Amino acid sequence: MRTTVTLDPDVVQGLRELQEAKSLTPKAAINEALRLGLRGLRDVAVKERAPFVQKTYDMGEFRFDPSKANALLAELDFEEWAEKH
């Protein structure tokens, strides 16, 4: 496949270094770099990761009746409103 690509200067420098180190043509250096990069991306995606485990902590007994949480929130909101007015 033929295509035109504009490369950043640091990428060009890396390709030139690869080309000189391995005595490659520019085409071969580009293909080698792309193969290595794509293999690295694939390996990262395929690596098994440890499953996420949510840490939990025992917070003790409830200090209020959770079935009356709305009443508690209303009381707290009223206290905040009263302080401002």
PDB file of N, CA and C in Angstrom:
ATOM      1  N   MET A   1       0.856  -1.176   0.000  1.00  0.00           N
ATOM      2  CA  MET A   1       0.000   0.000   0.000  1.00  0.00           C
ATOM      3  C   MET A   1       0.897   1.232   0.000  1.00  0.00           C
ATOM      4  N   ARG A   2       0.580   2.162  -0.840  1.00  0.00           N
ATOM      5  CA  ARG A   2       1.314   3.421  -0.885  1.00  0.00           C
ATOM      6  C   ARG A   2       0.475   4.494  -0.214  1.00  0.00           C
ATOM      7  N   THR A   3       1.152   5.325   0.568  1.00  0.00           N
ATOM      8  CA  THR A   3       0.465   6.438   1.210  1.00  0.00           C
ATOM      9  C   THR A   3       1.491   7.509   1.541  1.00  0.00           C
ATOM     10  N   THR A   4       1.030   8.717   1.770  1.00  0.00           N
ATOM     11  CA  THR A   4       1.907   9.807   2.161  1.00  0.00           C
ATOM     12  C   THR A   4       1.625  10.134   3.613  1.00  0.00           C
ATOM     13  N   VAL A   5       2.685  10.208   4.405  1.00  0.00           N
ATOM     14  CA  VAL A   5       2.555  10.472   5.830  1.00  0.00           C
ATOM     15  C   VAL A   5       3.530  11.569   6.204  1.00  0.00           C
ATOM     16  N   THR A   6       3.095  12.508   7.020  1.00  0.00           N
ATOM     17  CA  THR A   6       3.979  13.535   7.542  1.00  0.00           C
ATOM     18  C   THR A   6       4.411  13.115   8.942  1.00  0.00           C
ATOM     19  N   LEU A   7       5.718  12.950   9.127  1.00  0.00           N
ATOM     20  CA  LEU A   7       6.257  12.473  10.394  1.00  0.00           C
ATOM     21  C   LEU A   7       6.818  13.629  11.208  1.00  0.00           C
ATOM     22  N   ASP A   8       6.656  13.544  12.509  1.00  0.00           N
ATOM     23  CA  ASP A   8       7.247  14.528  13.410  1.00  0.00           C
ATOM     24  C   ASP A   8       8.764  14.353  13.409  1.00  0.00           C
ATOM     25  N   PRO A   9       9.502  15.441  13.689  1.00  0.00           N
ATOM     26  CA  PRO A   9      10.970  15.369  13.655  1.00  0.00           C
ATOM     27  C   PRO A   9      11.565  14.293  14.569  1.00  0.00           C
ATOM     28  N   ASP A  10      10.990  14.091  15.744  1.00  0.00           N
ATOM     29  CA  ASP A  10      11.535  13.071  16.646  1.00  0.00           C
ATOM     30  C   ASP A  10      11.321  11.659  16.098  1.00  0.00           C
ATOM     31  N   VAL A  11      10.229  11.459  15.366  1.00  0.00           N
ATOM     32  CA  VAL A  11       9.965  10.161  14.755  1.00  0.00           C
ATOM     33  C   VAL A  11      10.956   9.918  13.615  1.00  0.00           C
ATOM     34  N   VAL A  12      11.218  10.948  12.819  1.00  0.00           N
ATOM     35  CA  VAL A  12      12.186  10.841  11.734  1.00  0.00           C
ATOM     36  C   VAL A  12      13.560  10.479  12.303  1.00  0.00           C
ATOM     37  N   GLN A  13      13.951  11.143  13.387  1.00  0.00           N
ATOM     38  CA  GLN A  13      15.243  10.859  14.004  1.00  0.00           C
ATOM     39  C   GLN A  13      15.306   9.418  14.500  1.00  0.00           C
ATOM     40  N   GLY A  14      14.245   8.953  15.136  1.00  0.00           N
ATOM     41  CA  GLY A  14      14.199   7.567  15.606  1.00  0.00           C
ATOM     42  C   GLY A  14      14.288   6.576  14.463  1.00  0.00           C
ATOM     43  N   LEU A  15      13.609   6.867  13.364  1.00  0.00           N
ATOM     44  CA  LEU A  15      13.671   5.979  12.196  1.00  0.00           C
ATOM     45  C   LEU A  15      15.069   5.960  11.593  1.00  0.00           C
ATOM     46  N   ARG A  16      15.709   7.123  11.542  1.00  0.00           N
ATOM     47  CA  ARG A  16      17.083   7.177  11.010  1.00  0.00           C
ATOM     48  C   ARG A  16      18.026   6.355  11.892  1.00  0.00           C
ATOM     49  N   GLU A  17      17.853   6.455  13.208  1.00  0.00           N
ATOM     50  CA  GLU A  17      18.704   5.683  14.121  1.00  0.00           C
ATOM     51  C   GLU A  17      18.470   4.191  13.944  1.00  0.00           C
ATOM     52  N   LEU A  18      17.224   3.777  13.797  1.00  0.00           N
ATOM     53  CA  LEU A  18      16.892   2.372  13.559  1.00  0.00           C
ATOM     54  C   LEU A  18      17.478   1.911  12.234  1.00  0.00           C
ATOM     55  N   GLN A  19      17.356   2.751  11.227  1.00  0.00           N
ATOM     56  CA  GLN A  19      17.854   2.434   9.889  1.00  0.00           C
ATOM     57  C   GLN A  19      19.370   2.219   9.912  1.00  0.00           C
ATOM     58  N   GLU A  20      20.084   3.099  10.600  1.00  0.00           N
ATOM     59  CA  GLU A  20      21.542   2.971  10.678  1.00  0.00           C
ATOM     60  C   GLU A  20      21.957   1.779  11.532  1.00  0.00           C
ATOM     61  N   ALA A  21      21.287   1.581  12.654  1.00  0.00           N
ATOM     62  CA  ALA A  21      21.664   0.504  13.568  1.00  0.00           C
ATOM     63  C   ALA A  21      21.478  -0.876  12.945  1.00  0.00           C
ATOM     64  N   LYS A  22      20.448  -1.019  12.130  1.00  0.00           N
ATOM     65  CA  LYS A  22      20.139  -2.339  11.556  1.00  0.00           C
ATOM     66  C   LYS A  22      20.420  -2.407  10.059  1.00  0.00           C
ATOM     67  N   SER A  23      21.021  -1.357   9.504  1.00  0.00           N
ATOM     68  CA  SER A  23      21.321  -1.302   8.062  1.00  0.00           C
ATOM     69  C   SER A  23      20.074  -1.589   7.229  1.00  0.00           C
ATOM     70  N   LEU A  24      19.021  -0.823   7.500  1.00  0.00           N
ATOM     71  CA  LEU A  24      17.746  -1.006   6.807  1.00  0.00           C
ATOM     72  C   LEU A  24      17.510   0.103   5.802  1.00  0.00           C
ATOM     73  N   THR A  25      16.648  -0.176   4.839  1.00  0.00           N
ATOM     74  CA  THR A  25      16.178   0.875   3.944  1.00  0.00           C
ATOM     75  C   THR A  25      15.145   1.699   4.709  1.00  0.00           C
ATOM     76  N   PRO A  26      14.837   2.901   4.248  1.00  0.00           N
ATOM     77  CA  PRO A  26      13.798   3.684   4.931  1.00  0.00           C
ATOM     78  C   PRO A  26      12.475   2.922   5.025  1.00  0.00           C
ATOM     79  N   LYS A  27      12.085   2.254   3.943  1.00  0.00           N
ATOM     80  CA  LYS A  27      10.838   1.482   3.946  1.00  0.00           C
ATOM     81  C   LYS A  27      10.885   0.379   5.003  1.00  0.00           C
ATOM     82  N   ALA A  28      12.000  -0.344   5.072  1.00  0.00           N
ATOM     83  CA  ALA A  28      12.134  -1.430   6.032  1.00  0.00           C
ATOM     84  C   ALA A  28      12.144  -0.901   7.467  1.00  0.00           C
ATOM     85  N   ALA A  29      12.772   0.251   7.686  1.00  0.00           N
ATOM     86  CA  ALA A  29      12.813   0.844   9.027  1.00  0.00           C
ATOM     87  C   ALA A  29      11.417   1.250   9.483  1.00  0.00           C
ATOM     88  N   ILE A  30      10.653   1.853   8.585  1.00  0.00           N
ATOM     89  CA  ILE A  30       9.282   2.260   8.919  1.00  0.00           C
ATOM     90  C   ILE A  30       8.433   1.034   9.238  1.00  0.00           C
ATOM     91  N   ASN A  31       8.528   0.002   8.408  1.00  0.00           N
ATOM     92  CA  ASN A  31       7.755  -1.218   8.652  1.00  0.00           C
ATOM     93  C   ASN A  31       8.157  -1.876   9.969  1.00  0.00           C
ATOM     94  N   GLU A  32       9.452  -1.937  10.249  1.00  0.00           N
ATOM     95  CA  GLU A  32       9.925  -2.530  11.498  1.00  0.00           C
ATOM     96  C   GLU A  32       9.393  -1.750  12.704  1.00  0.00           C
ATOM     97  N   ALA A  33       9.478  -0.424  12.640  1.00  0.00           N
ATOM     98  CA  ALA A  33       8.998   0.407  13.746  1.00  0.00           C
ATOM     99  C   ALA A  33       7.494   0.232  13.950  1.00  0.00           C
ATOM    100  N   LEU A  34       6.744   0.197  12.868  1.00  0.00           N
ATOM    101  CA  LEU A  34       5.300   0.003  12.981  1.00  0.00           C
ATOM    102  C   LEU A  34       4.962  -1.374  13.550  1.00  0.00           C
ATOM    103  N   ARG A  35       5.672  -2.404  13.104  1.00  0.00           N
ATOM    104  CA  ARG A  35       5.432  -3.750  13.642  1.00  0.00           C
ATOM    105  C   ARG A  35       5.687  -3.795  15.144  1.00  0.00           C
ATOM    106  N   LEU A  36       6.820  -3.214  15.556  1.00  0.00           N
ATOM    107  CA  LEU A  36       7.149  -3.204  16.985  1.00  0.00           C
ATOM    108  C   LEU A  36       6.106  -2.436  17.787  1.00  0.00           C
ATOM    109  N   GLY A  37       5.702  -1.289  17.272  1.00  0.00           N
ATOM    110  CA  GLY A  37       4.704  -0.481  17.973  1.00  0.00           C
ATOM    111  C   GLY A  37       3.358  -1.167  18.058  1.00  0.00           C
ATOM    112  N   LEU A  38       2.921  -1.762  16.954  1.00  0.00           N
ATOM    113  CA  LEU A  38       1.634  -2.451  16.948  1.00  0.00           C
ATOM    114  C   LEU A  38       1.670  -3.678  17.842  1.00  0.00           C
ATOM    115  N   ARG A  39       2.799  -4.401  17.852  1.00  0.00           N
ATOM    116  CA  ARG A  39       2.922  -5.562  18.725  1.00  0.00           C
ATOM    117  C   ARG A  39       2.847  -5.124  20.187  1.00  0.00           C
ATOM    118  N   GLY A  40       3.507  -4.007  20.503  1.00  0.00           N
ATOM    119  CA  GLY A  40       3.462  -3.492  21.869  1.00  0.00           C
ATOM    120  C   GLY A  40       2.052  -3.102  22.281  1.00  0.00           C
ATOM    121  N   LEU A  41       1.312  -2.461  21.395  1.00  0.00           N
ATOM    122  CA  LEU A  41      -0.073  -2.084  21.693  1.00  0.00           C
ATOM    123  C   LEU A  41      -0.936  -3.316  21.903  1.00  0.00           C
ATOM    124  N   ARG A  42      -0.745  -4.314  21.053  1.00  0.00           N
ATOM    125  CA  ARG A  42      -1.532  -5.544  21.169  1.00  0.00           C
ATOM    126  C   ARG A  42      -1.216  -6.256  22.478  1.00  0.00           C
ATOM    127  N   ASP A  43       0.078  -6.307  22.833  1.00  0.00           N
ATOM    128  CA  ASP A  43       0.478  -6.986  24.064  1.00  0.00           C
ATOM    129  C   ASP A  43      -0.117  -6.311  25.294  1.00  0.00           C
ATOM    130  N   VAL A  44      -0.165  -4.990  25.289  1.00  0.00           N
ATOM    131  CA  VAL A  44      -0.749  -4.266  26.419  1.00  0.00           C
ATOM    132  C   VAL A  44      -2.242  -4.548  26.517  1.00  0.00           C
ATOM    133  N   ALA A  45      -2.920  -4.585  25.374  1.00  0.00           N
ATOM    134  CA  ALA A  45      -4.369  -4.830  25.372  1.00  0.00           C
ATOM    135  C   ALA A  45      -4.696  -6.255  25.793  1.00  0.00           C
ATOM    136  N   VAL A  46      -3.814  -7.199  25.475  1.00  0.00           N
ATOM    137  CA  VAL A  46      -4.083  -8.602  25.748  1.00  0.00           C
ATOM    138  C   VAL A  46      -3.715  -8.984  27.178  1.00  0.00           C
ATOM    139  N   LYS A  47      -2.772  -8.266  27.765  1.00  0.00           N
ATOM    140  CA  LYS A  47      -2.328  -8.600  29.119  1.00  0.00           C
ATOM    141  C   LYS A  47      -3.516  -8.700  30.051  1.00  0.00           C
ATOM    142  N   GLU A  48      -3.498  -9.756  30.829  1.00  0.00           N
ATOM    143  CA  GLU A  48      -4.576  -9.907  31.797  1.00  0.00           C
ATOM    144  C   GLU A  48      -4.303  -8.989  32.979  1.00  0.00           C
ATOM    145  N   ARG A  49      -5.303  -8.293  33.385  1.00  0.00           N
ATOM    146  CA  ARG A  49      -5.182  -7.413  34.536  1.00  0.00           C
ATOM    147  C   ARG A  49      -5.934  -8.027  35.701  1.00  0.00           C
ATOM    148  N   ALA A  50      -5.433  -7.749  36.871  1.00  0.00           N
ATOM    149  CA  ALA A  50      -6.127  -8.222  38.069  1.00  0.00           C
ATOM    150  C   ALA A  50      -7.495  -7.543  38.133  1.00  0.00           C
ATOM    151  N   PRO A  51      -8.529  -8.270  38.504  1.00  0.00           N
ATOM    152  CA  PRO A  51      -9.857  -7.661  38.590  1.00  0.00           C
ATOM    153  C   PRO A  51      -9.869  -6.566  39.662  1.00  0.00           C
ATOM    154  N   PHE A  52     -10.629  -5.525  39.403  1.00  0.00           N
ATOM    155  CA  PHE A  52     -10.759  -4.429  40.356  1.00  0.00           C
ATOM    156  C   PHE A  52     -11.565  -4.904  41.556  1.00  0.00           C
ATOM    157  N   VAL A  53     -11.053  -4.615  42.735  1.00  0.00           N
ATOM    158  CA  VAL A  53     -11.756  -4.963  43.964  1.00  0.00           C
ATOM    159  C   VAL A  53     -11.936  -3.684  44.768  1.00  0.00           C
ATOM    160  N   GLN A  54     -13.172  -3.331  45.037  1.00  0.00           N
ATOM    161  CA  GLN A  54     -13.472  -2.128  45.808  1.00  0.00           C
ATOM    162  C   GLN A  54     -13.142  -2.366  47.270  1.00  0.00           C
ATOM    163  N   LYS A  55     -12.345  -1.475  47.835  1.00  0.00           N
ATOM    164  CA  LYS A  55     -12.031  -1.582  49.256  1.00  0.00           C
ATOM    165  C   LYS A  55     -13.243  -1.122  50.057  1.00  0.00           C
ATOM    166  N   THR A  56     -13.554  -1.841  51.108  1.00  0.00           N
ATOM    167  CA  THR A  56     -14.666  -1.463  51.973  1.00  0.00           C
ATOM    168  C   THR A  56     -14.173  -1.403  53.406  1.00  0.00           C
ATOM    169  N   TYR A  57     -14.868  -0.634  54.197  1.00  0.00           N
ATOM    170  CA  TYR A  57     -14.498  -0.465  55.597  1.00  0.00           C
ATOM    171  C   TYR A  57     -15.743  -0.567  56.460  1.00  0.00           C
ATOM    172  N   ASP A  58     -15.606  -1.199  57.599  1.00  0.00           N
ATOM    173  CA  ASP A  58     -16.711  -1.289  58.543  1.00  0.00           C
ATOM    174  C   ASP A  58     -16.822   0.052  59.252  1.00  0.00           C
ATOM    175  N   MET A  59     -17.943   0.703  59.117  1.00  0.00           N
ATOM    176  CA  MET A  59     -18.146   2.021  59.717  1.00  0.00           C
ATOM    177  C   MET A  59     -18.952   1.936  61.006  1.00  0.00           C
ATOM    178  N   GLY A  60     -19.174   0.735  61.478  1.00  0.00           N
ATOM    179  CA  GLY A  60     -19.890   0.574  62.739  1.00  0.00           C
ATOM    180  C   GLY A  60     -21.393   0.638  62.560  1.00  0.00           C
ATOM    181  N   GLU A  61     -22.067   0.774  63.670  1.00  0.00           N
ATOM    182  CA  GLU A  61     -23.527   0.827  63.676  1.00  0.00           C
ATOM    183  C   GLU A  61     -24.014   2.190  63.192  1.00  0.00           C
ATOM    184  N   PHE A  62     -25.233   2.210  62.642  1.00  0.00           N
ATOM    185  CA  PHE A  62     -25.851   3.478  62.258  1.00  0.00           C
ATOM    186  C   PHE A  62     -26.074   4.332  63.502  1.00  0.00           C
ATOM    187  N   ARG A  63     -25.868   5.626  63.367  1.00  0.00           N
ATOM    188  CA  ARG A  63     -26.130   6.533  64.486  1.00  0.00           C
ATOM    189  C   ARG A  63     -27.517   7.160  64.371  1.00  0.00           C
ATOM    190  N   PHE A  64     -28.211   6.822  63.287  1.00  0.00           N
ATOM    191  CA  PHE A  64     -29.585   7.288  63.109  1.00  0.00           C
ATOM    192  C   PHE A  64     -30.340   6.205  62.353  1.00  0.00           C
ATOM    193  N   ASP A  65     -31.625   6.320  62.371  1.00  0.00           N
ATOM    194  CA  ASP A  65     -32.471   5.350  61.674  1.00  0.00           C
ATOM    195  C   ASP A  65     -32.435   5.679  60.183  1.00  0.00           C
ATOM    196  N   PRO A  66     -31.846   4.814  59.332  1.00  0.00           N
ATOM    197  CA  PRO A  66     -31.732   5.127  57.906  1.00  0.00           C
ATOM    198  C   PRO A  66     -33.084   5.307  57.221  1.00  0.00           C
ATOM    199  N   SER A  67     -34.146   4.760  57.788  1.00  0.00           N
ATOM    200  CA  SER A  67     -35.457   4.937  57.173  1.00  0.00           C
ATOM    201  C   SER A  67     -35.955   6.369  57.344  1.00  0.00           C
ATOM    202  N   LYS A  68     -35.275   7.147  58.191  1.00  0.00           N
ATOM    203  CA  LYS A  68     -35.669   8.545  58.412  1.00  0.00           C
ATOM    204  C   LYS A  68     -34.602   9.509  57.883  1.00  0.00           C
ATOM    205  N   ALA A  69     -33.859   9.061  56.878  1.00  0.00           N
ATOM    206  CA  ALA A  69     -32.772   9.873  56.320  1.00  0.00           C
ATOM    207  C   ALA A  69     -33.294  11.177  55.726  1.00  0.00           C
ATOM    208  N   ASN A  70     -34.442  11.152  55.061  1.00  0.00           N
ATOM    209  CA  ASN A  70     -34.985  12.376  54.472  1.00  0.00           C
ATOM    210  C   ASN A  70     -35.298  13.414  55.540  1.00  0.00           C
ATOM    211  N   ALA A  71     -35.835  12.991  56.674  1.00  0.00           N
ATOM    212  CA  ALA A  71     -36.137  13.920  57.758  1.00  0.00           C
ATOM    213  C   ALA A  71     -34.846  14.526  58.295  1.00  0.00           C
ATOM    214  N   LEU A  72     -33.792  13.717  58.423  1.00  0.00           N
ATOM    215  CA  LEU A  72     -32.508  14.224  58.895  1.00  0.00           C
ATOM    216  C   LEU A  72     -31.947  15.255  57.920  1.00  0.00           C
ATOM    217  N   LEU A  73     -31.993  14.960  56.620  1.00  0.00           N
ATOM    218  CA  LEU A  73     -31.499  15.905  55.614  1.00  0.00           C
ATOM    219  C   LEU A  73     -32.296  17.204  55.647  1.00  0.00           C
ATOM    220  N   ALA A  74     -33.592  17.113  55.798  1.00  0.00           N
ATOM    221  CA  ALA A  74     -34.424  18.311  55.856  1.00  0.00           C
ATOM    222  C   ALA A  74     -34.049  19.150  57.069  1.00  0.00           C
ATOM    223  N   GLU A  75     -33.784  18.504  58.180  1.00  0.00           N
ATOM    224  CA  GLU A  75     -33.400  19.219  59.396  1.00  0.00           C
ATOM    225  C   GLU A  75     -32.048  19.908  59.209  1.00  0.00           C
ATOM    226  N   LEU A  76     -31.106  19.206  58.603  1.00  0.00           N
ATOM    227  CA  LEU A  76     -29.787  19.798  58.362  1.00  0.00           C
ATOM    228  C   LEU A  76     -29.883  20.978  57.397  1.00  0.00           C
ATOM    229  N   ASP A  77     -30.690  20.831  56.336  1.00  0.00           N
ATOM    230  CA  ASP A  77     -30.880  21.920  55.383  1.00  0.00           C
ATOM    231  C   ASP A  77     -31.506  23.125  56.077  1.00  0.00           C
ATOM    232  N   PHE A  78     -32.462  22.879  56.950  1.00  0.00           N
ATOM    233  CA  PHE A  78     -33.113  23.984  57.663  1.00  0.00           C
ATOM    234  C   PHE A  78     -32.099  24.697  58.549  1.00  0.00           C
ATOM    235  N   GLU A  79     -31.245  23.948  59.254  1.00  0.00           N
ATOM    236  CA  GLU A  79     -30.241  24.560  60.113  1.00  0.00           C
ATOM    237  C   GLU A  79     -29.285  25.416  59.308  1.00  0.00           C
ATOM    238  N   GLU A  80     -28.871  24.929  58.129  1.00  0.00           N
ATOM    239  CA  GLU A  80     -27.983  25.717  57.276  1.00  0.00           C
ATOM    240  C   GLU A  80     -28.678  26.982  56.790  1.00  0.00           C
ATOM    241  N   TRP A  81     -29.952  26.863  56.414  1.00  0.00           N
ATOM    242  CA  TRP A  81     -30.715  28.014  55.951  1.00  0.00           C
ATOM    243  C   TRP A  81     -30.869  29.025  57.084  1.00  0.00           C
ATOM    244  N   ALA A  82     -31.152  28.542  58.274  1.00  0.00           N
ATOM    245  CA  ALA A  82     -31.361  29.418  59.442  1.00  0.00           C
ATOM    246  C   ALA A  82     -30.100  30.210  59.779  1.00  0.00           C
ATOM    247  N   GLU A  83     -28.946  29.580  59.633  1.00  0.00           N
ATOM    248  CA  GLU A  83     -27.684  30.268  59.910  1.00  0.00           C
ATOM    249  C   GLU A  83     -27.442  31.404  58.935  1.00  0.00           C
ATOM    250  N   LYS A  84     -27.888  31.253  57.693  1.00  0.00           N
ATOM    251  CA  LYS A  84     -27.649  32.271  56.673  1.00  0.00           C
ATOM    252  C   LYS A  84     -28.654  33.413  56.769  1.00  0.00           C
ATOM    253  N   HIS A  85     -29.809  33.163  57.356  1.00  0.00           N
ATOM    254  CA  HIS A  85     -30.860  34.199  57.359  1.00  0.00           C
ATOM    255  C   HIS A  85     -31.119  34.688  58.730  1.00  0.00           C
TER     256      HIS A  85
END
